[in-house]
Amino acid sequence: MEISTAQIKELREATGAGVLECRQTLEETKGDMDKAMAVLKEKGLAKAAKKAERMTREGRVELYAHPGNRVGVMLEVNCESDFVANTDDFKSLVHDLALHIAFSNPKFIKPEDIPADVVGAQRAAFKAEAVATGKPENVVDRIVQGKLDKYFDDVCLLRQPFVKDDKVKIGDMVAGAIAKIGENIVVRRFARYELGEE
């Protein structure tokens, strides 16, 4: 099957992959754009996992004030080089993350950041709730784990669905940016302020 330049361009714009990689993937998938995107996304996530150990000492601090100035966010996102920190793709990612934090008010970046006593208290509360409904003991543990997962999805930035596209989780968005940009990216820390909040 002949792969056109237009197909390669479309796939490249959608995924950020290189021209040769787009051509090879389209040839493998016999020109099926959806399959090609899925293959490149999988490859990109594998690349992102390989880059996770690389040092990130550059980046940006983003200040975002929601219209009306009632909610503000200060966010630090790191990458490997000052060159990448100044690219439009990186700036756009950091801005979108700050906007998302303003809207969804996460408390932590990832589940590992939640203090053990907070997780323990949540687990105990969920267990007491499940036991009170009279569920059998073998079901209680699954109910508790399911509620804990939902709690992590609610309070952890990387597990939340992106405010502009709820089909994409923030963690996947960051992994996609790592694959596209080619450097490790780490959401280091954030603070969210709301007017009148204690």
Foldseek 3Di string as FASTA:
>chain_A
DDDDPVLLVVLCVVQLDDSVLSVVLCVVVVNDSVSSNVVLLVVLLVLQVVQQPPDWDAADWDWDADPVRQKIKTWTKTWRDVVLNPDPLRVVLVVLLRVQCRPQVAAEAAPVPDDPVVLVVLLVVQLVVVVVVVDDPVVSVVSSVVVSVVVRQRRHQQNDQRPVGNVHGSVSVQSSSCSNSVIHMGGDDMDMDGPPDD
